[in-house]
Amino acid sequence: MRLSKNLYTFHFNGCFTKYLCQTGKIFAAFFEKFLVAA
């Protein structure tokens, strides 16, 4: 759970800092489904 939370936080931080927002949104959608499934 901790790892997932860290990755989720990293995604948000990355989207607003280094990651491209477009790529971030795709990653967010996939990660959200993954969290819901898990």
PDB file of N, CA and C in Angstrom:
ATOM      1  N   MET A   1       0.841  -1.203   0.000  1.00  0.00           N
ATOM      2  CA  MET A   1       0.000   0.000   0.000  1.00  0.00           C
ATOM      3  C   MET A   1       0.879   1.258   0.000  1.00  0.00           C
ATOM      4  N   ARG A   2       1.907   1.234   0.834  1.00  0.00           N
ATOM      5  CA  ARG A   2       2.797   2.400   0.909  1.00  0.00           C
ATOM      6  C   ARG A   2       3.397   2.705  -0.460  1.00  0.00           C
ATOM      7  N   LEU A   3       3.854   1.654  -1.133  1.00  0.00           N
ATOM      8  CA  LEU A   3       4.481   1.855  -2.436  1.00  0.00           C
ATOM      9  C   LEU A   3       3.496   2.498  -3.411  1.00  0.00           C
ATOM     10  N   SER A   4       2.254   1.993  -3.422  1.00  0.00           N
ATOM     11  CA  SER A   4       1.237   2.538  -4.314  1.00  0.00           C
ATOM     12  C   SER A   4       0.991   4.011  -4.003  1.00  0.00           C
ATOM     13  N   LYS A   5       0.900   4.326  -2.705  1.00  0.00           N
ATOM     14  CA  LYS A   5       0.654   5.714  -2.306  1.00  0.00           C
ATOM     15  C   LYS A   5       1.803   6.601  -2.755  1.00  0.00           C
ATOM     16  N   ASN A   6       3.032   6.118  -2.598  1.00  0.00           N
ATOM     17  CA  ASN A   6       4.201   6.892  -3.008  1.00  0.00           C
ATOM     18  C   ASN A   6       4.194   7.114  -4.514  1.00  0.00           C
ATOM     19  N   LEU A   7       3.878   6.063  -5.268  1.00  0.00           N
ATOM     20  CA  LEU A   7       3.841   6.184  -6.721  1.00  0.00           C
ATOM     21  C   LEU A   7       2.757   7.166  -7.138  1.00  0.00           C
ATOM     22  N   TYR A   8       1.617   7.101  -6.458  1.00  0.00           N
ATOM     23  CA  TYR A   8       0.504   7.993  -6.783  1.00  0.00           C
ATOM     24  C   TYR A   8       0.907   9.445  -6.538  1.00  0.00           C
ATOM     25  N   THR A   9       1.565   9.700  -5.398  1.00  0.00           N
ATOM     26  CA  THR A   9       2.035  11.044  -5.073  1.00  0.00           C
ATOM     27  C   THR A   9       3.093  11.473  -6.072  1.00  0.00           C
ATOM     28  N   PHE A  10       3.984  10.556  -6.414  1.00  0.00           N
ATOM     29  CA  PHE A  10       5.045  10.853  -7.377  1.00  0.00           C
ATOM     30  C   PHE A  10       4.444  11.266  -8.711  1.00  0.00           C
ATOM     31  N   HIS A  11       3.378  10.592  -9.121  1.00  0.00           N
ATOM     32  CA  HIS A  11       2.706  10.915 -10.379  1.00  0.00           C
ATOM     33  C   HIS A  11       2.208  12.354 -10.376  1.00  0.00           C
ATOM     34  N   PHE A  12       1.518  12.740  -9.307  1.00  0.00           N
ATOM     35  CA  PHE A  12       0.988  14.097  -9.225  1.00  0.00           C
ATOM     36  C   PHE A  12       2.117  15.117  -9.224  1.00  0.00           C
ATOM     37  N   ASN A  13       3.153  14.871  -8.437  1.00  0.00           N
ATOM     38  CA  ASN A  13       4.293  15.782  -8.384  1.00  0.00           C
ATOM     39  C   ASN A  13       4.959  15.862  -9.749  1.00  0.00           C
ATOM     40  N   GLY A  14       5.149  14.710 -10.399  1.00  0.00           N
ATOM     41  CA  GLY A  14       5.804  14.661 -11.702  1.00  0.00           C
ATOM     42  C   GLY A  14       4.994  15.407 -12.755  1.00  0.00           C
ATOM     43  N   CYS A  15       3.671  15.254 -12.714  1.00  0.00           N
ATOM     44  CA  CYS A  15       2.812  15.895 -13.709  1.00  0.00           C
ATOM     45  C   CYS A  15       2.962  17.407 -13.657  1.00  0.00           C
ATOM     46  N   PHE A  16       3.074  17.941 -12.446  1.00  0.00           N
ATOM     47  CA  PHE A  16       3.162  19.390 -12.290  1.00  0.00           C
ATOM     48  C   PHE A  16       4.597  19.900 -12.377  1.00  0.00           C
ATOM     49  N   THR A  17       5.582  18.988 -12.404  1.00  0.00           N
ATOM     50  CA  THR A  17       6.969  19.438 -12.429  1.00  0.00           C
ATOM     51  C   THR A  17       7.673  19.037 -13.713  1.00  0.00           C
ATOM     52  N   LYS A  18       7.869  17.732 -13.912  1.00  0.00           N
ATOM     53  CA  LYS A  18       8.660  17.291 -15.063  1.00  0.00           C
ATOM     54  C   LYS A  18       7.832  16.533 -16.097  1.00  0.00           C
ATOM     55  N   TYR A  19       6.912  15.669 -15.618  1.00  0.00           N
ATOM     56  CA  TYR A  19       6.122  14.874 -16.558  1.00  0.00           C
ATOM     57  C   TYR A  19       5.216  15.754 -17.409  1.00  0.00           C
ATOM     58  N   LEU A  20       4.945  15.265 -18.623  1.00  0.00           N
ATOM     59  CA  LEU A  20       4.007  15.980 -19.480  1.00  0.00           C
ATOM     60  C   LEU A  20       2.600  15.726 -18.973  1.00  0.00           C
ATOM     61  N   CYS A  21       1.788  16.768 -18.925  1.00  0.00           N
ATOM     62  CA  CYS A  21       0.428  16.631 -18.391  1.00  0.00           C
ATOM     63  C   CYS A  21      -0.355  15.580 -19.175  1.00  0.00           C
ATOM     64  N   GLN A  22      -0.163  15.555 -20.493  1.00  0.00           N
ATOM     65  CA  GLN A  22      -0.900  14.583 -21.312  1.00  0.00           C
ATOM     66  C   GLN A  22      -0.538  13.167 -20.893  1.00  0.00           C
ATOM     67  N   THR A  23       0.755  12.893 -20.772  1.00  0.00           N
ATOM     68  CA  THR A  23       1.204  11.566 -20.353  1.00  0.00           C
ATOM     69  C   THR A  23       0.734  11.298 -18.934  1.00  0.00           C
ATOM     70  N   GLY A  24       0.758  12.326 -18.104  1.00  0.00           N
ATOM     71  CA  GLY A  24       0.336  12.182 -16.713  1.00  0.00           C
ATOM     72  C   GLY A  24      -1.121  11.758 -16.612  1.00  0.00           C
ATOM     73  N   LYS A  25      -1.970  12.352 -17.448  1.00  0.00           N
ATOM     74  CA  LYS A  25      -3.399  12.013 -17.408  1.00  0.00           C
ATOM     75  C   LYS A  25      -3.608  10.550 -17.775  1.00  0.00           C
ATOM     76  N   ILE A  26      -2.908  10.089 -18.802  1.00  0.00           N
ATOM     77  CA  ILE A  26      -3.030   8.687 -19.222  1.00  0.00           C
ATOM     78  C   ILE A  26      -2.569   7.780 -18.094  1.00  0.00           C
ATOM     79  N   PHE A  27      -1.446   8.141 -17.473  1.00  0.00           N
ATOM     80  CA  PHE A  27      -0.916   7.353 -16.368  1.00  0.00           C
ATOM     81  C   PHE A  27      -1.883   7.377 -15.194  1.00  0.00           C
ATOM     82  N   ALA A  28      -2.489   8.530 -14.957  1.00  0.00           N
ATOM     83  CA  ALA A  28      -3.435   8.670 -13.847  1.00  0.00           C
ATOM     84  C   ALA A  28      -4.633   7.749 -14.059  1.00  0.00           C
ATOM     85  N   ALA A  29      -5.189   7.748 -15.254  1.00  0.00           N
ATOM     86  CA  ALA A  29      -6.354   6.916 -15.549  1.00  0.00           C
ATOM     87  C   ALA A  29      -6.018   5.444 -15.337  1.00  0.00           C
ATOM     88  N   PHE A  30      -4.850   5.028 -15.844  1.00  0.00           N
ATOM     89  CA  PHE A  30      -4.438   3.631 -15.693  1.00  0.00           C
ATOM     90  C   PHE A  30      -4.190   3.297 -14.233  1.00  0.00           C
ATOM     91  N   PHE A  31      -3.508   4.200 -13.527  1.00  0.00           N
ATOM     92  CA  PHE A  31      -3.162   3.937 -12.132  1.00  0.00           C
ATOM     93  C   PHE A  31      -4.406   3.909 -11.257  1.00  0.00           C
ATOM     94  N   GLU A  32      -5.364   4.781 -11.540  1.00  0.00           N
ATOM     95  CA  GLU A  32      -6.605   4.799 -10.762  1.00  0.00           C
ATOM     96  C   GLU A  32      -7.334   3.470 -10.920  1.00  0.00           C
ATOM     97  N   LYS A  33      -7.410   2.961 -12.148  1.00  0.00           N
ATOM     98  CA  LYS A  33      -8.070   1.675 -12.386  1.00  0.00           C
ATOM     99  C   LYS A  33      -7.321   0.577 -11.651  1.00  0.00           C
ATOM    100  N   PHE A  34      -5.992   0.679 -11.657  1.00  0.00           N
ATOM    101  CA  PHE A  34      -5.167  -0.332 -10.989  1.00  0.00           C
ATOM    102  C   PHE A  34      -5.429  -0.318  -9.491  1.00  0.00           C
ATOM    103  N   LEU A  35      -5.522   0.885  -8.913  1.00  0.00           N
ATOM    104  CA  LEU A  35      -5.778   0.996  -7.472  1.00  0.00           C
ATOM    105  C   LEU A  35      -7.165   0.461  -7.141  1.00  0.00           C
ATOM    106  N   VAL A  36      -8.146   0.780  -7.966  1.00  0.00           N
ATOM    107  CA  VAL A  36      -9.515   0.315  -7.732  1.00  0.00           C
ATOM    108  C   VAL A  36      -9.566  -1.211  -7.821  1.00  0.00           C
ATOM    109  N   ALA A  37      -8.869  -1.771  -8.806  1.00  0.00           N
ATOM    110  CA  ALA A  37      -8.840  -3.223  -8.977  1.00  0.00           C
ATOM    111  C   ALA A  37      -8.124  -3.871  -7.799  1.00  0.00           C
ATOM    112  N   ALA A  38      -7.079  -3.211  -7.307  1.00  0.00           N
ATOM    113  CA  ALA A  38      -6.302  -3.755  -6.187  1.00  0.00           C
ATOM    114  C   ALA A  38      -6.956  -3.359  -4.876  1.00  0.00           C
TER     115      ALA A  38
END
